[in-house]
Protein backbone atom coordinates (compact mmCIF):
# COMPACT_ATOMS: atom_id res chain seq x y z
CA UNK A 1 -74.42 -16.20 20.44
CA UNK A 2 -72.33 -14.24 17.90
CA UNK A 3 -69.63 -15.83 15.75
CA UNK A 4 -66.19 -14.31 16.24
CA UNK A 5 -64.71 -12.43 13.30
CA UNK A 6 -61.76 -14.10 11.54
CA UNK A 7 -59.71 -11.22 10.17
CA UNK A 8 -57.77 -13.43 7.77
CA UNK A 9 -60.99 -14.74 6.20
CA UNK A 10 -62.35 -11.22 5.83
CA UNK A 11 -59.11 -10.15 4.20
CA UNK A 12 -59.28 -13.04 1.73
CA UNK A 13 -62.88 -12.17 0.83
CA UNK A 14 -61.93 -8.58 0.16
CA UNK A 15 -59.07 -9.70 -2.10
CA UNK A 16 -61.34 -12.10 -4.01
CA UNK A 17 -63.76 -9.26 -4.70
CA UNK A 18 -60.91 -7.30 -6.25
CA UNK A 19 -59.16 -10.17 -8.06
CA UNK A 20 -60.48 -13.75 -8.50
CA UNK A 21 -58.26 -16.41 -6.87
CA UNK A 22 -57.38 -18.07 -10.19
CA UNK A 23 -56.00 -14.79 -11.53
CA UNK A 24 -54.33 -13.52 -8.37
CA UNK A 25 -50.88 -15.14 -8.82
CA UNK A 26 -50.77 -14.07 -12.46
CA UNK A 27 -51.50 -10.48 -11.40
CA UNK A 28 -48.78 -10.59 -8.73
CA UNK A 29 -46.24 -11.93 -11.24
CA UNK A 30 -47.22 -9.25 -13.77
CA UNK A 31 -46.87 -6.41 -11.23
CA UNK A 32 -43.48 -7.66 -10.01
CA UNK A 33 -42.25 -8.12 -13.60
CA UNK A 34 -43.22 -4.53 -14.47
CA UNK A 35 -41.58 -3.32 -11.26
CA UNK A 36 -38.32 -5.14 -12.02
CA UNK A 37 -38.29 -3.87 -15.60
CA UNK A 38 -38.73 -0.28 -14.44
CA UNK A 39 -35.99 -0.66 -11.83
CA UNK A 40 -33.61 -2.19 -14.41
CA UNK A 41 -34.23 0.74 -16.76
CA UNK A 42 -33.43 3.18 -13.94
CA UNK A 43 -30.18 1.32 -13.18
CA UNK A 44 -29.24 1.49 -16.87
CA UNK A 45 -29.76 5.26 -16.89
CA UNK A 46 -27.70 5.62 -13.71
CA UNK A 47 -24.77 3.76 -15.27
CA UNK A 48 -24.84 5.84 -18.47
CA UNK A 49 -23.47 9.33 -19.14
CA UNK A 50 -26.69 11.12 -20.00
CA UNK A 51 -26.46 14.54 -21.67
CA UNK A 52 -29.84 15.66 -20.28
CA UNK A 53 -29.44 19.12 -18.72
CA UNK A 54 -32.90 19.47 -17.14
CA UNK A 55 -35.98 17.47 -16.15
CA UNK A 56 -39.57 18.68 -16.45
CA UNK A 57 -40.49 18.58 -12.76
CA UNK A 58 -43.83 19.76 -11.42
CA UNK A 59 -42.46 22.41 -9.07
CA UNK A 60 -45.56 22.33 -6.86
CA UNK A 61 -44.80 18.69 -5.95
CA UNK A 62 -41.14 19.18 -4.99
CA UNK A 63 -39.72 19.56 -1.46
CA UNK A 64 -38.09 23.01 -1.30
CA UNK A 65 -35.43 21.82 1.18
CA UNK A 66 -34.07 19.44 -1.47
CA UNK A 67 -33.47 22.08 -4.17
CA UNK A 68 -29.89 23.38 -4.45
CA UNK A 69 -28.08 25.79 -6.76
CA UNK A 70 -24.86 24.88 -8.56
CA UNK A 71 -22.95 27.54 -6.58
CA UNK A 72 -23.94 25.91 -3.26
CA UNK A 73 -22.91 22.49 -4.53
CA UNK A 74 -19.59 23.89 -5.80
CA UNK A 75 -18.78 25.54 -2.44
CA UNK A 76 -19.37 22.29 -0.56
CA UNK A 77 -17.25 20.34 -3.06
CA UNK A 78 -14.40 22.85 -2.77
CA UNK A 79 -14.56 22.92 1.05
CA UNK A 80 -14.54 19.13 1.43
CA UNK A 81 -12.64 18.14 -1.78
CA UNK A 82 -15.55 16.29 -3.35
CA UNK A 83 -16.49 15.69 -7.00
CA UNK A 84 -19.84 16.45 -8.66
CA UNK A 85 -20.10 14.25 -11.75
CA UNK A 86 -22.45 12.19 -13.88
CA UNK A 87 -23.91 9.19 -12.03
CA UNK A 88 -22.25 7.00 -14.67
CA UNK A 89 -18.88 7.62 -13.00
CA UNK A 90 -20.03 6.20 -9.66
CA UNK A 91 -18.28 2.85 -9.13
CA UNK A 92 -20.27 1.70 -6.10
CA UNK A 93 -23.71 0.10 -6.04
CA UNK A 94 -26.69 2.40 -5.92
CA UNK A 95 -28.85 1.37 -2.95
CA UNK A 96 -32.34 0.01 -3.66
CA UNK A 97 -33.78 2.91 -1.68
CA UNK A 98 -32.29 5.36 -4.20
CA UNK A 99 -33.84 3.37 -7.08
CA UNK A 100 -37.21 3.41 -5.28
CA UNK A 101 -37.02 7.19 -4.78
CA UNK A 102 -36.22 7.75 -8.47
CA UNK A 103 -39.14 5.51 -9.46
CA UNK A 104 -41.48 7.34 -7.09
CA UNK A 105 -40.39 10.73 -8.47
CA UNK A 106 -40.90 9.55 -12.05
CA UNK A 107 -44.42 8.31 -11.28
CA UNK A 108 -45.35 11.46 -9.36
CA UNK A 109 -44.09 13.85 -12.06
CA UNK A 110 -44.87 11.58 -15.05
CA UNK A 111 -41.32 11.91 -16.41
CA UNK A 112 -38.23 9.81 -17.07
CA UNK A 113 -35.31 11.29 -15.11
CA UNK A 114 -32.04 11.87 -16.94
CA UNK A 115 -28.73 13.68 -16.41
CA UNK A 116 -28.44 12.35 -12.86
CA UNK A 117 -25.32 13.41 -10.93
CA UNK A 118 -23.48 12.22 -7.83
CA UNK A 119 -21.55 14.24 -5.25
CA UNK A 120 -18.89 12.03 -3.64
CA UNK A 121 -15.16 11.74 -2.80
CA UNK A 122 -12.97 10.91 -5.81
CA UNK A 123 -12.25 7.39 -4.48
CA UNK A 124 -15.91 6.45 -5.05
CA UNK A 125 -15.85 7.56 -8.69
CA UNK A 126 -14.39 5.94 -11.80
CA UNK A 127 -12.29 8.84 -13.04
CA UNK A 128 -10.46 9.06 -16.35
CA UNK A 129 -6.75 9.78 -16.09
CA UNK A 130 -5.85 13.13 -17.88
CA UNK A 131 -17.22 8.69 2.68
CA UNK A 132 -20.90 10.00 1.54
CA UNK A 133 -22.54 10.12 -1.97
CA UNK A 134 -25.50 12.37 -2.83
CA UNK A 135 -27.67 11.76 -5.92
CA UNK A 136 -29.04 14.81 -7.80
CA UNK A 137 -31.29 15.42 -10.82
CA UNK A 138 -30.87 18.62 -12.90
CA UNK A 139 -33.83 21.02 -12.90
CA UNK A 140 -32.43 23.60 -15.32
CA UNK A 141 -31.03 27.11 -14.69
CA UNK A 142 -28.20 25.56 -12.62
CA UNK A 143 -30.60 24.13 -10.03
CA UNK A 144 -30.49 20.50 -8.87
CA UNK A 145 -32.92 18.35 -6.91
CA UNK A 146 -31.47 16.07 -4.21
CA UNK A 147 -32.97 12.59 -4.65
CA UNK A 148 -31.09 10.50 -2.10
CA UNK A 149 -28.12 10.43 0.30
CA UNK A 150 -26.54 7.23 1.55
CA UNK A 151 -23.36 5.90 3.13
CA UNK A 152 -21.48 7.20 6.16
CA UNK A 153 -21.09 10.88 6.96
CA UNK A 154 -17.81 12.64 6.21
CA UNK A 155 -15.05 12.81 8.82
CA UNK A 156 -15.67 15.79 11.15
CA UNK A 157 -12.19 17.20 10.38
CA UNK A 158 -12.34 16.67 6.60
CA UNK A 159 -13.12 20.33 5.89
CA UNK A 160 -10.13 21.45 7.97
CA UNK A 161 -7.80 18.81 6.49
CA UNK A 162 -8.77 19.78 2.94
CA UNK A 163 -8.42 23.55 3.56
CA UNK A 164 -4.82 23.74 2.19
CA UNK A 165 -5.97 22.22 -1.13
CA UNK A 166 -8.70 24.79 -1.83
CA UNK A 167 -6.39 27.14 -3.75
CA UNK A 168 -2.76 28.23 -4.19
CA UNK A 169 -2.93 30.92 -1.49
CA UNK A 170 -4.11 28.44 1.14
CA UNK A 171 -1.33 26.01 0.23
CA UNK A 172 1.39 28.68 0.50
CA UNK A 173 0.03 29.86 3.85
CA UNK A 174 -0.03 26.26 5.15
CA UNK A 175 3.58 25.68 4.04
CA UNK A 176 4.57 28.98 5.70
CA UNK A 177 2.99 28.03 9.05
CA UNK A 178 4.42 24.50 8.88
CA UNK A 179 7.91 25.91 8.21
CA UNK A 180 7.64 28.20 11.24
CA UNK A 181 6.60 25.25 13.39
CA UNK A 182 9.48 23.07 12.14
CA UNK A 183 11.96 25.93 12.67
CA UNK A 184 10.85 26.36 16.28
CA UNK A 185 11.33 22.62 16.86
CA UNK A 186 14.89 22.53 15.53
CA UNK A 187 17.76 22.32 18.07
CA UNK A 188 19.79 25.35 16.94
CA UNK A 189 22.81 24.38 19.07
CA UNK A 190 23.31 21.41 16.76
CA UNK A 191 23.95 23.78 13.82
CA UNK A 192 26.10 26.48 15.40
CA UNK A 193 28.55 26.82 18.25
CA UNK A 194 28.17 30.56 18.65
CA UNK A 195 25.28 32.58 19.97
CA UNK A 196 21.91 31.94 18.38
CA UNK A 197 20.15 35.09 17.20
CA UNK A 198 17.26 36.10 14.95
CA UNK A 199 19.49 35.97 11.87
CA UNK A 200 20.25 32.28 12.41
CA UNK A 201 16.57 31.47 12.91
CA UNK A 202 15.64 33.41 9.76
CA UNK A 203 18.22 31.53 7.67
CA UNK A 204 17.04 28.21 9.06
CA UNK A 205 13.41 29.16 8.38
CA UNK A 206 14.20 30.03 4.75
CA UNK A 207 16.04 26.73 4.31
CA UNK A 208 13.13 24.73 5.79
CA UNK A 209 10.56 26.75 3.82
CA UNK A 210 12.34 25.92 0.54
CA UNK A 211 12.63 22.28 1.54
CA UNK A 212 8.92 21.97 2.39
CA UNK A 213 7.97 23.80 -0.83
CA UNK A 214 10.13 21.36 -2.79
CA UNK A 215 8.47 18.33 -1.15
CA UNK A 216 4.98 19.74 -1.76
CA UNK A 217 5.73 20.56 -5.41
CA UNK A 218 7.30 17.15 -6.02
CA UNK A 219 4.35 15.35 -4.43
CA UNK A 220 1.87 17.51 -6.35
CA UNK A 221 3.49 16.96 -9.75
CA UNK A 222 4.23 13.28 -9.13
CA UNK A 223 0.65 12.49 -8.09
CA UNK A 224 -0.95 14.84 -10.62
CA UNK A 225 -2.80 16.72 -7.88
CA UNK A 226 -4.77 19.90 -8.40
CA UNK A 227 -6.68 22.40 -6.28
CA UNK A 228 -10.28 21.87 -5.13
CA UNK A 229 -11.54 24.79 -7.22
CA UNK A 230 -10.21 23.10 -10.37
CA UNK A 231 -11.33 19.50 -9.81
CA UNK A 232 -14.78 19.70 -8.20
CA UNK A 233 -16.56 19.00 -11.52
CA UNK A 234 -13.66 17.41 -13.43
CA UNK A 235 -13.96 13.81 -14.67
CA UNK A 236 -10.17 13.42 -14.74
CA UNK A 237 -8.23 11.89 -11.85
CA UNK A 238 -5.55 14.55 -12.07
CA UNK A 239 -8.00 17.40 -12.58
């Protein structure tokens, strides 16, 4: 006795009440055009080197777990040998999800974000010659708001592998331990026919230590390398 309800027809009627059929496609085109224009403007700002040092966020609308101080960012960069630079230095493609999050933030806070920065390994940045990007916006007072993270996570041993490059003391200690290891591996009978004592091992250790130091210094100067504490916010390839 009762006619079944056609959901599609009901949906069409609701849409026609909101927008007449003859104007619907025009409205869709207009909305998509505005959307594309806004996204293009965001991409332009991401590719530029903005000098904005803070954005007027509404603090009540921010997620507290996404707010980080410069000191925390610096420590992570030093531990994992990462760079923290203007988004304009990023040579990869920013994912559409990151653009969408920027757009959503701008609409929520009624602002135009500037001074955006990226935390990433040096290989993902276009550095001037003197595995996991994070996009930040400055909030002022050395605080930054994390907008988006993408890409693969860092290698689980990256922190340990980058430990020698943190500072000069770490590098010397690493060379010292490596020299001890190499000395213990050397066949002492190949270097002397007499008895092998502590004096012979000490002389061999000093020889190996100087050799390893020479190799490290040559590699460091030849490649223009520097310590993590010096390069974490440097735009130059050689720190």
